[in-house]
Amino acid sequence: GKSLLAPSEEALRWEQEDQLQMKQEALKLKNKNLTDEQIEMLKLNEELVGQRDQELNDIMKNLTDIHEMFTDLSAMVISQGTMLDRVDQNITKAHDSVSRG
């Protein structure tokens, strides 16, 4: 439902803001005199942030899938409970009919 999606959307927004901030920082640093090693470190950091973003998206998708499974399971449990109530009622009716003759 909606309650599960709202935190995911917020987490995605935070991640996008983090990425934008890192890109802005990288641009500021490029304007300074950086060594090749420092530039490579920046590139590595950007790559790691991209991987982290993908992993977070995967986790959010998995959580959404789990939520859907539990929602389906809940519906099945309710359905089975209704069926058990009907079986119980039928047994009671059959017992009463047999008792009356």
PDB file of N, CA and C in Angstrom:
ATOM      1  N   GLY A   1       0.780  -1.172   0.000  1.00  0.00           N
ATOM      2  CA  GLY A   1       0.000   0.000   0.000  1.00  0.00           C
ATOM      3  C   GLY A   1       0.829   1.247   0.000  1.00  0.00           C
ATOM      4  N   LYS A   2       0.136   2.305   0.229  1.00  0.00           N
ATOM      5  CA  LYS A   2       0.745   3.626   0.161  1.00  0.00           C
ATOM      6  C   LYS A   2       1.770   3.854   1.267  1.00  0.00           C
ATOM      7  N   SER A   3       1.505   3.293   2.462  1.00  0.00           N
ATOM      8  CA  SER A   3       2.423   3.512   3.574  1.00  0.00           C
ATOM      9  C   SER A   3       3.806   2.935   3.296  1.00  0.00           C
ATOM     10  N   LEU A   4       3.872   1.843   2.530  1.00  0.00           N
ATOM     11  CA  LEU A   4       5.168   1.253   2.202  1.00  0.00           C
ATOM     12  C   LEU A   4       5.895   2.088   1.153  1.00  0.00           C
ATOM     13  N   LEU A   5       5.158   2.682   0.223  1.00  0.00           N
ATOM     14  CA  LEU A   5       5.787   3.427  -0.853  1.00  0.00           C
ATOM     15  C   LEU A   5       6.311   4.783  -0.392  1.00  0.00           C
ATOM     16  N   ALA A   6       5.643   5.414   0.553  1.00  0.00           N
ATOM     17  CA  ALA A   6       6.060   6.745   0.980  1.00  0.00           C
ATOM     18  C   ALA A   6       7.502   6.756   1.501  1.00  0.00           C
ATOM     19  N   PRO A   7       7.897   5.833   2.424  1.00  0.00           N
ATOM     20  CA  PRO A   7       9.292   5.846   2.871  1.00  0.00           C
ATOM     21  C   PRO A   7      10.265   5.558   1.728  1.00  0.00           C
ATOM     22  N   SER A   8       9.873   4.682   0.789  1.00  0.00           N
ATOM     23  CA  SER A   8      10.749   4.363  -0.336  1.00  0.00           C
ATOM     24  C   SER A   8      10.987   5.585  -1.198  1.00  0.00           C
ATOM     25  N   GLU A   9       9.932   6.337  -1.453  1.00  0.00           N
ATOM     26  CA  GLU A   9      10.069   7.548  -2.257  1.00  0.00           C
ATOM     27  C   GLU A   9      10.950   8.562  -1.529  1.00  0.00           C
ATOM     28  N   GLU A  10      10.794   8.649  -0.214  1.00  0.00           N
ATOM     29  CA  GLU A  10      11.599   9.575   0.572  1.00  0.00           C
ATOM     30  C   GLU A  10      13.064   9.144   0.564  1.00  0.00           C
ATOM     31  N   ALA A  11      13.307   7.841   0.699  1.00  0.00           N
ATOM     32  CA  ALA A  11      14.679   7.336   0.672  1.00  0.00           C
ATOM     33  C   ALA A  11      15.310   7.602  -0.692  1.00  0.00           C
ATOM     34  N   LEU A  12      14.541   7.424  -1.759  1.00  0.00           N
ATOM     35  CA  LEU A  12      15.046   7.683  -3.105  1.00  0.00           C
ATOM     36  C   LEU A  12      15.395   9.165  -3.258  1.00  0.00           C
ATOM     37  N   ARG A  13      14.555  10.040  -2.725  1.00  0.00           N
ATOM     38  CA  ARG A  13      14.810  11.480  -2.804  1.00  0.00           C
ATOM     39  C   ARG A  13      16.097  11.832  -2.053  1.00  0.00           C
ATOM     40  N   TRP A  14      16.283  11.237  -0.868  1.00  0.00           N
ATOM     41  CA  TRP A  14      17.508  11.481  -0.107  1.00  0.00           C
ATOM     42  C   TRP A  14      18.730  11.035  -0.886  1.00  0.00           C
ATOM     43  N   GLU A  15      18.616   9.864  -1.503  1.00  0.00           N
ATOM     44  CA  GLU A  15      19.743   9.334  -2.265  1.00  0.00           C
ATOM     45  C   GLU A  15      20.070  10.254  -3.437  1.00  0.00           C
ATOM     46  N   GLN A  16      19.041  10.764  -4.118  1.00  0.00           N
ATOM     47  CA  GLN A  16      19.261  11.677  -5.233  1.00  0.00           C
ATOM     48  C   GLN A  16      19.912  12.964  -4.755  1.00  0.00           C
ATOM     49  N   GLU A  17      19.483  13.460  -3.603  1.00  0.00           N
ATOM     50  CA  GLU A  17      20.099  14.674  -3.052  1.00  0.00           C
ATOM     51  C   GLU A  17      21.566  14.426  -2.705  1.00  0.00           C
ATOM     52  N   ASP A  18      21.860  13.235  -2.140  1.00  0.00           N
ATOM     53  CA  ASP A  18      23.247  12.893  -1.821  1.00  0.00           C
ATOM     54  C   ASP A  18      24.105  12.851  -3.082  1.00  0.00           C
ATOM     55  N   GLN A  19      23.558  12.245  -4.138  1.00  0.00           N
ATOM     56  CA  GLN A  19      24.306  12.157  -5.388  1.00  0.00           C
ATOM     57  C   GLN A  19      24.562  13.543  -5.965  1.00  0.00           C
ATOM     58  N   LEU A  20      23.544  14.400  -5.936  1.00  0.00           N
ATOM     59  CA  LEU A  20      23.707  15.753  -6.453  1.00  0.00           C
ATOM     60  C   LEU A  20      24.763  16.514  -5.654  1.00  0.00           C
ATOM     61  N   GLN A  21      24.719  16.362  -4.341  1.00  0.00           N
ATOM     62  CA  GLN A  21      25.698  17.039  -3.493  1.00  0.00           C
ATOM     63  C   GLN A  21      27.115  16.543  -3.797  1.00  0.00           C
ATOM     64  N   MET A  22      27.271  15.239  -3.990  1.00  0.00           N
ATOM     65  CA  MET A  22      28.600  14.693  -4.300  1.00  0.00           C
ATOM     66  C   MET A  22      29.103  15.205  -5.646  1.00  0.00           C
ATOM     67  N   LYS A  23      28.202  15.305  -6.627  1.00  0.00           N
ATOM     68  CA  LYS A  23      28.609  15.819  -7.939  1.00  0.00           C
ATOM     69  C   LYS A  23      29.039  17.285  -7.830  1.00  0.00           C
ATOM     70  N   GLN A  24      28.295  18.047  -7.043  1.00  0.00           N
ATOM     71  CA  GLN A  24      28.657  19.452  -6.852  1.00  0.00           C
ATOM     72  C   GLN A  24      30.019  19.576  -6.169  1.00  0.00           C
ATOM     73  N   GLU A  25      30.248  18.723  -5.168  1.00  0.00           N
ATOM     74  CA  GLU A  25      31.545  18.727  -4.478  1.00  0.00           C
ATOM     75  C   GLU A  25      32.664  18.361  -5.446  1.00  0.00           C
ATOM     76  N   ALA A  26      32.401  17.359  -6.290  1.00  0.00           N
ATOM     77  CA  ALA A  26      33.416  16.928  -7.254  1.00  0.00           C
ATOM     78  C   ALA A  26      33.751  18.056  -8.226  1.00  0.00           C
ATOM     79  N   LEU A  27      32.722  18.786  -8.675  1.00  0.00           N
ATOM     80  CA  LEU A  27      32.967  19.904  -9.589  1.00  0.00           C
ATOM     81  C   LEU A  27      33.801  20.997  -8.913  1.00  0.00           C
ATOM     82  N   LYS A  28      33.507  21.274  -7.656  1.00  0.00           N
ATOM     83  CA  LYS A  28      34.285  22.275  -6.927  1.00  0.00           C
ATOM     84  C   LYS A  28      35.749  21.842  -6.828  1.00  0.00           C
ATOM     85  N   LEU A  29      35.959  20.550  -6.540  1.00  0.00           N
ATOM     86  CA  LEU A  29      37.317  20.049  -6.387  1.00  0.00           C
ATOM     87  C   LEU A  29      38.069  20.033  -7.715  1.00  0.00           C
ATOM     88  N   LYS A  30      37.357  19.802  -8.809  1.00  0.00           N
ATOM     89  CA  LYS A  30      38.023  19.778 -10.120  1.00  0.00           C
ATOM     90  C   LYS A  30      38.557  21.153 -10.489  1.00  0.00           C
ATOM     91  N   ASN A  31      37.918  22.174  -9.971  1.00  0.00           N
ATOM     92  CA  ASN A  31      38.391  23.533 -10.246  1.00  0.00           C
ATOM     93  C   ASN A  31      39.663  23.858  -9.469  1.00  0.00           C
ATOM     94  N   LYS A  32      39.969  23.041  -8.469  1.00  0.00           N
ATOM     95  CA  LYS A  32      41.196  23.226  -7.705  1.00  0.00           C
ATOM     96  C   LYS A  32      42.303  22.413  -8.359  1.00  0.00           C
ATOM     97  N   ASN A  33      43.492  22.587  -7.874  1.00  0.00           N
ATOM     98  CA  ASN A  33      44.611  21.824  -8.406  1.00  0.00           C
ATOM     99  C   ASN A  33      44.635  20.449  -7.738  1.00  0.00           C
ATOM    100  N   LEU A  34      44.093  19.454  -8.429  1.00  0.00           N
ATOM    101  CA  LEU A  34      44.045  18.101  -7.885  1.00  0.00           C
ATOM    102  C   LEU A  34      45.066  17.223  -8.594  1.00  0.00           C
ATOM    103  N   THR A  35      45.610  16.290  -7.837  1.00  0.00           N
ATOM    104  CA  THR A  35      46.509  15.320  -8.446  1.00  0.00           C
ATOM    105  C   THR A  35      45.676  14.269  -9.171  1.00  0.00           C
ATOM    106  N   ASP A  36      46.314  13.525 -10.048  1.00  0.00           N
ATOM    107  CA  ASP A  36      45.625  12.448 -10.751  1.00  0.00           C
ATOM    108  C   ASP A  36      45.077  11.429  -9.761  1.00  0.00           C
ATOM    109  N   GLU A  37      45.827  11.197  -8.698  1.00  0.00           N
ATOM    110  CA  GLU A  37      45.385  10.240  -7.675  1.00  0.00           C
ATOM    111  C   GLU A  37      44.094  10.726  -7.004  1.00  0.00           C
ATOM    112  N   GLN A  38      44.030  12.011  -6.728  1.00  0.00           N
ATOM    113  CA  GLN A  38      42.827  12.557  -6.094  1.00  0.00           C
ATOM    114  C   GLN A  38      41.623  12.484  -7.036  1.00  0.00           C
ATOM    115  N   ILE A  39      41.868  12.757  -8.300  1.00  0.00           N
ATOM    116  CA  ILE A  39      40.791  12.670  -9.292  1.00  0.00           C
ATOM    117  C   ILE A  39      40.302  11.226  -9.405  1.00  0.00           C
ATOM    118  N   GLU A  40      41.214  10.263  -9.390  1.00  0.00           N
ATOM    119  CA  GLU A  40      40.831   8.846  -9.444  1.00  0.00           C
ATOM    120  C   GLU A  40      40.014   8.455  -8.209  1.00  0.00           C
ATOM    121  N   MET A  41      40.402   8.985  -7.053  1.00  0.00           N
ATOM    122  CA  MET A  41      39.643   8.710  -5.825  1.00  0.00           C
ATOM    123  C   MET A  41      38.218   9.259  -5.937  1.00  0.00           C
ATOM    124  N   LEU A  42      38.080  10.438  -6.516  1.00  0.00           N
ATOM    125  CA  LEU A  42      36.753  11.010  -6.718  1.00  0.00           C
ATOM    126  C   LEU A  42      35.913  10.124  -7.631  1.00  0.00           C
ATOM    127  N   LYS A  43      36.537   9.653  -8.700  1.00  0.00           N
ATOM    128  CA  LYS A  43      35.811   8.772  -9.627  1.00  0.00           C
ATOM    129  C   LYS A  43      35.389   7.482  -8.933  1.00  0.00           C
ATOM    130  N   LEU A  44      36.282   6.925  -8.129  1.00  0.00           N
ATOM    131  CA  LEU A  44      35.970   5.703  -7.392  1.00  0.00           C
ATOM    132  C   LEU A  44      34.808   5.944  -6.425  1.00  0.00           C
ATOM    133  N   ASN A  45      34.849   7.081  -5.731  1.00  0.00           N
ATOM    134  CA  ASN A  45      33.767   7.415  -4.807  1.00  0.00           C
ATOM    135  C   ASN A  45      32.435   7.542  -5.533  1.00  0.00           C
ATOM    136  N   GLU A  46      32.447   8.170  -6.697  1.00  0.00           N
ATOM    137  CA  GLU A  46      31.222   8.303  -7.484  1.00  0.00           C
ATOM    138  C   GLU A  46      30.691   6.933  -7.891  1.00  0.00           C
ATOM    139  N   GLU A  47      31.606   6.042  -8.270  1.00  0.00           N
ATOM    140  CA  GLU A  47      31.197   4.686  -8.656  1.00  0.00           C
ATOM    141  C   GLU A  47      30.594   3.937  -7.469  1.00  0.00           C
ATOM    142  N   LEU A  48      31.218   4.089  -6.311  1.00  0.00           N
ATOM    143  CA  LEU A  48      30.701   3.436  -5.103  1.00  0.00           C
ATOM    144  C   LEU A  48      29.320   3.964  -4.732  1.00  0.00           C
ATOM    145  N   VAL A  49      29.116   5.261  -4.904  1.00  0.00           N
ATOM    146  CA  VAL A  49      27.797   5.844  -4.625  1.00  0.00           C
ATOM    147  C   VAL A  49      26.762   5.273  -5.595  1.00  0.00           C
ATOM    148  N   GLY A  50      27.138   5.108  -6.843  1.00  0.00           N
ATOM    149  CA  GLY A  50      26.230   4.511  -7.824  1.00  0.00           C
ATOM    150  C   GLY A  50      25.857   3.083  -7.452  1.00  0.00           C
ATOM    151  N   GLN A  51      26.853   2.315  -6.996  1.00  0.00           N
ATOM    152  CA  GLN A  51      26.581   0.942  -6.567  1.00  0.00           C
ATOM    153  C   GLN A  51      25.672   0.931  -5.344  1.00  0.00           C
ATOM    154  N   ARG A  52      25.932   1.820  -4.424  1.00  0.00           N
ATOM    155  CA  ARG A  52      25.099   1.912  -3.210  1.00  0.00           C
ATOM    156  C   ARG A  52      23.662   2.261  -3.582  1.00  0.00           C
ATOM    157  N   ASP A  53      23.507   3.174  -4.524  1.00  0.00           N
ATOM    158  CA  ASP A  53      22.178   3.565  -4.984  1.00  0.00           C
ATOM    159  C   ASP A  53      21.444   2.359  -5.569  1.00  0.00           C
ATOM    160  N   GLN A  54      22.139   1.580  -6.400  1.00  0.00           N
ATOM    161  CA  GLN A  54      21.515   0.394  -7.009  1.00  0.00           C
ATOM    162  C   GLN A  54      21.139  -0.624  -5.937  1.00  0.00           C
ATOM    163  N   GLU A  55      22.017  -0.823  -4.968  1.00  0.00           N
ATOM    164  CA  GLU A  55      21.730  -1.775  -3.898  1.00  0.00           C
ATOM    165  C   GLU A  55      20.528  -1.332  -3.071  1.00  0.00           C
ATOM    166  N   LEU A  56      20.424  -0.035  -2.790  1.00  0.00           N
ATOM    167  CA  LEU A  56      19.272   0.483  -2.053  1.00  0.00           C
ATOM    168  C   LEU A  56      17.982   0.295  -2.854  1.00  0.00           C
ATOM    169  N   ASN A  57      18.059   0.533  -4.153  1.00  0.00           N
ATOM    170  CA  ASN A  57      16.880   0.316  -5.004  1.00  0.00           C
ATOM    171  C   ASN A  57      16.476  -1.156  -4.998  1.00  0.00           C
ATOM    172  N   ASP A  58      17.461  -2.049  -5.033  1.00  0.00           N
ATOM    173  CA  ASP A  58      17.167  -3.489  -4.985  1.00  0.00           C
ATOM    174  C   ASP A  58      16.500  -3.863  -3.662  1.00  0.00           C
ATOM    175  N   ILE A  59      17.007  -3.299  -2.571  1.00  0.00           N
ATOM    176  CA  ILE A  59      16.422  -3.580  -1.251  1.00  0.00           C
ATOM    177  C   ILE A  59      14.978  -3.076  -1.201  1.00  0.00           C
ATOM    178  N   MET A  60      14.745  -1.882  -1.699  1.00  0.00           N
ATOM    179  CA  MET A  60      13.380  -1.335  -1.695  1.00  0.00           C
ATOM    180  C   MET A  60      12.439  -2.213  -2.520  1.00  0.00           C
ATOM    181  N   LYS A  61      12.919  -2.701  -3.677  1.00  0.00           N
ATOM    182  CA  LYS A  61      12.090  -3.576  -4.501  1.00  0.00           C
ATOM    183  C   LYS A  61      11.800  -4.885  -3.767  1.00  0.00           C
ATOM    184  N   ASN A  62      12.814  -5.447  -3.120  1.00  0.00           N
ATOM    185  CA  ASN A  62      12.616  -6.693  -2.373  1.00  0.00           C
ATOM    186  C   ASN A  62      11.630  -6.499  -1.227  1.00  0.00           C
ATOM    187  N   LEU A  63      11.723  -5.370  -0.532  1.00  0.00           N
ATOM    188  CA  LEU A  63      10.787  -5.088   0.550  1.00  0.00           C
ATOM    189  C   LEU A  63       9.362  -4.951   0.024  1.00  0.00           C
ATOM    190  N   THR A  64       9.214  -4.328  -1.126  1.00  0.00           N
ATOM    191  CA  THR A  64       7.894  -4.213  -1.740  1.00  0.00           C
ATOM    192  C   THR A  64       7.350  -5.585  -2.108  1.00  0.00           C
ATOM    193  N   ASP A  65       8.207  -6.446  -2.651  1.00  0.00           N
ATOM    194  CA  ASP A  65       7.792  -7.818  -2.997  1.00  0.00           C
ATOM    195  C   ASP A  65       7.367  -8.589  -1.748  1.00  0.00           C
ATOM    196  N   ILE A  66       8.128  -8.459  -0.675  1.00  0.00           N
ATOM    197  CA  ILE A  66       7.796  -9.149   0.581  1.00  0.00           C
ATOM    198  C   ILE A  66       6.463  -8.627   1.115  1.00  0.00           C
ATOM    199  N   HIS A  67       6.270  -7.323   1.046  1.00  0.00           N
ATOM    200  CA  HIS A  67       5.006  -6.734   1.495  1.00  0.00           C
ATOM    201  C   HIS A  67       3.842  -7.330   0.713  1.00  0.00           C
ATOM    202  N   GLU A  68       3.981  -7.455  -0.593  1.00  0.00           N
ATOM    203  CA  GLU A  68       2.916  -8.030  -1.423  1.00  0.00           C
ATOM    204  C   GLU A  68       2.656  -9.487  -1.048  1.00  0.00           C
ATOM    205  N   MET A  69       3.724 -10.242  -0.763  1.00  0.00           N
ATOM    206  CA  MET A  69       3.546 -11.647  -0.368  1.00  0.00           C
ATOM    207  C   MET A  69       2.769 -11.752   0.940  1.00  0.00           C
ATOM    208  N   PHE A  70       3.112 -10.908   1.915  1.00  0.00           N
ATOM    209  CA  PHE A  70       2.402 -10.955   3.189  1.00  0.00           C
ATOM    210  C   PHE A  70       0.948 -10.511   3.029  1.00  0.00           C
ATOM    211  N   THR A  71       0.705  -9.555   2.155  1.00  0.00           N
ATOM    212  CA  THR A  71      -0.675  -9.131   1.885  1.00  0.00           C
ATOM    213  C   THR A  71      -1.462 -10.290   1.278  1.00  0.00           C
ATOM    214  N   ASP A  72      -0.862 -10.995   0.321  1.00  0.00           N
ATOM    215  CA  ASP A  72      -1.512 -12.165  -0.282  1.00  0.00           C
ATOM    216  C   ASP A  72      -1.735 -13.256   0.759  1.00  0.00           C
ATOM    217  N   LEU A  73      -0.737 -13.496   1.594  1.00  0.00           N
ATOM    218  CA  LEU A  73      -0.851 -14.515   2.635  1.00  0.00           C
ATOM    219  C   LEU A  73      -1.989 -14.172   3.596  1.00  0.00           C
ATOM    220  N   SER A  74      -2.098 -12.908   3.949  1.00  0.00           N
ATOM    221  CA  SER A  74      -3.172 -12.463   4.840  1.00  0.00           C
ATOM    222  C   SER A  74      -4.536 -12.746   4.218  1.00  0.00           C
ATOM    223  N   ALA A  75      -4.689 -12.459   2.942  1.00  0.00           N
ATOM    224  CA  ALA A  75      -5.961 -12.723   2.251  1.00  0.00           C
ATOM    225  C   ALA A  75      -6.265 -14.217   2.243  1.00  0.00           C
ATOM    226  N   MET A  76      -5.237 -15.049   2.035  1.00  0.00           N
ATOM    227  CA  MET A  76      -5.443 -16.503   2.031  1.00  0.00           C
ATOM    228  C   MET A  76      -5.862 -17.004   3.411  1.00  0.00           C
ATOM    229  N   VAL A  77      -5.236 -16.474   4.455  1.00  0.00           N
ATOM    230  CA  VAL A  77      -5.583 -16.893   5.823  1.00  0.00           C
ATOM    231  C   VAL A  77      -7.032 -16.522   6.128  1.00  0.00           C
ATOM    232  N   ILE A  78      -7.439 -15.330   5.742  1.00  0.00           N
ATOM    233  CA  ILE A  78      -8.823 -14.904   5.960  1.00  0.00           C
ATOM    234  C   ILE A  78      -9.775 -15.820   5.191  1.00  0.00           C
ATOM    235  N   SER A  79      -9.429 -16.124   3.952  1.00  0.00           N
ATOM    236  CA  SER A  79     -10.263 -17.003   3.126  1.00  0.00           C
ATOM    237  C   SER A  79     -10.373 -18.395   3.744  1.00  0.00           C
ATOM    238  N   GLN A  80      -9.261 -18.939   4.199  1.00  0.00           N
ATOM    239  CA  GLN A  80      -9.274 -20.273   4.823  1.00  0.00           C
ATOM    240  C   GLN A  80     -10.083 -20.257   6.112  1.00  0.00           C
ATOM    241  N   GLY A  81      -9.992 -19.175   6.868  1.00  0.00           N
ATOM    242  CA  GLY A  81     -10.779 -19.055   8.096  1.00  0.00           C
ATOM    243  C   GLY A  81     -12.262 -19.084   7.802  1.00  0.00           C
ATOM    244  N   THR A  82     -12.667 -18.391   6.742  1.00  0.00           N
ATOM    245  CA  THR A  82     -14.073 -18.389   6.335  1.00  0.00           C
ATOM    246  C   THR A  82     -14.517 -19.796   5.947  1.00  0.00           C
ATOM    247  N   MET A  83     -13.666 -20.504   5.226  1.00  0.00           N
ATOM    248  CA  MET A  83     -13.998 -21.872   4.819  1.00  0.00           C
ATOM    249  C   MET A  83     -14.115 -22.783   6.036  1.00  0.00           C
ATOM    250  N   LEU A  84     -13.230 -22.634   7.008  1.00  0.00           N
ATOM    251  CA  LEU A  84     -13.300 -23.448   8.223  1.00  0.00           C
ATOM    252  C   LEU A  84     -14.572 -23.166   9.004  1.00  0.00           C
ATOM    253  N   ASP A  85     -14.989 -21.896   9.033  1.00  0.00           N
ATOM    254  CA  ASP A  85     -16.245 -21.550   9.702  1.00  0.00           C
ATOM    255  C   ASP A  85     -17.414 -22.257   9.029  1.00  0.00           C
ATOM    256  N   ARG A  86     -17.418 -22.312   7.700  1.00  0.00           N
ATOM    257  CA  ARG A  86     -18.495 -22.984   6.963  1.00  0.00           C
ATOM    258  C   ARG A  86     -18.491 -24.479   7.256  1.00  0.00           C
ATOM    259  N   VAL A  87     -17.300 -25.086   7.278  1.00  0.00           N
ATOM    260  CA  VAL A  87     -17.202 -26.521   7.578  1.00  0.00           C
ATOM    261  C   VAL A  87     -17.744 -26.782   8.977  1.00  0.00           C
ATOM    262  N   ASP A  88     -17.355 -25.932   9.922  1.00  0.00           N
ATOM    263  CA  ASP A  88     -17.825 -26.078  11.303  1.00  0.00           C
ATOM    264  C   ASP A  88     -19.352 -25.965  11.370  1.00  0.00           C
ATOM    265  N   GLN A  89     -19.923 -24.995  10.647  1.00  0.00           N
ATOM    266  CA  GLN A  89     -21.377 -24.829  10.624  1.00  0.00           C
ATOM    267  C   GLN A  89     -22.054 -26.050  10.011  1.00  0.00           C
ATOM    268  N   ASN A  90     -21.490 -26.579   8.933  1.00  0.00           N
ATOM    269  CA  ASN A  90     -22.070 -27.761   8.279  1.00  0.00           C
ATOM    270  C   ASN A  90     -22.015 -28.979   9.198  1.00  0.00           C
ATOM    271  N   ILE A  91     -20.934 -29.139   9.943  1.00  0.00           N
ATOM    272  CA  ILE A  91     -20.819 -30.267  10.883  1.00  0.00           C
ATOM    273  C   ILE A  91     -21.881 -30.128  11.976  1.00  0.00           C
ATOM    274  N   THR A  92     -22.042 -28.904  12.482  1.00  0.00           N
ATOM    275  CA  THR A  92     -23.066 -28.665  13.515  1.00  0.00           C
ATOM    276  C   THR A  92     -24.456 -28.967  12.987  1.00  0.00           C
ATOM    277  N   LYS A  93     -24.758 -28.519  11.763  1.00  0.00           N
ATOM    278  CA  LYS A  93     -26.063 -28.782  11.153  1.00  0.00           C
ATOM    279  C   LYS A  93     -26.267 -30.277  10.964  1.00  0.00           C
ATOM    280  N   ALA A  94     -25.219 -30.960  10.494  1.00  0.00           N
ATOM    281  CA  ALA A  94     -25.325 -32.413  10.276  1.00  0.00           C
ATOM    282  C   ALA A  94     -25.542 -33.121  11.603  1.00  0.00           C
ATOM    283  N   HIS A  95     -24.862 -32.709  12.632  1.00  0.00           N
ATOM    284  CA  HIS A  95     -25.026 -33.299  13.965  1.00  0.00           C
ATOM    285  C   HIS A  95     -26.445 -33.105  14.470  1.00  0.00           C
ATOM    286  N   ASP A  96     -26.949 -31.892  14.312  1.00  0.00           N
ATOM    287  CA  ASP A  96     -28.320 -31.594  14.751  1.00  0.00           C
ATOM    288  C   ASP A  96     -29.321 -32.413  13.969  1.00  0.00           C
ATOM    289  N   SER A  97     -29.116 -32.574  12.667  1.00  0.00           N
ATOM    290  CA  SER A  97     -30.046 -33.361  11.849  1.00  0.00           C
ATOM    291  C   SER A  97     -30.020 -34.827  12.257  1.00  0.00           C
ATOM    292  N   VAL A  98     -28.840 -35.369  12.517  1.00  0.00           N
ATOM    293  CA  VAL A  98     -28.726 -36.753  12.927  1.00  0.00           C
ATOM    294  C   VAL A  98     -29.337 -36.936  14.316  1.00  0.00           C
ATOM    295  N   SER A  99     -29.150 -35.992  15.180  1.00  0.00           N
ATOM    296  CA  SER A  99     -29.692 -36.084  16.546  1.00  0.00           C
ATOM    297  C   SER A  99     -31.229 -36.072  16.536  1.00  0.00           C
ATOM    298  N   ARG A 100     -31.813 -35.316  15.607  1.00  0.00           N
ATOM    299  CA  ARG A 100     -33.273 -35.231  15.523  1.00  0.00           C
ATOM    300  C   ARG A 100     -33.855 -36.467  14.848  1.00  0.00           C
ATOM    301  N   GLY A 101     -33.023 -37.156  14.136  1.00  0.00           N
ATOM    302  CA  GLY A 101     -33.505 -38.404  13.557  1.00  0.00           C
ATOM    303  C   GLY A 101     -33.709 -38.318  12.122  1.00  0.00           C
TER     304      GLY A 101
END
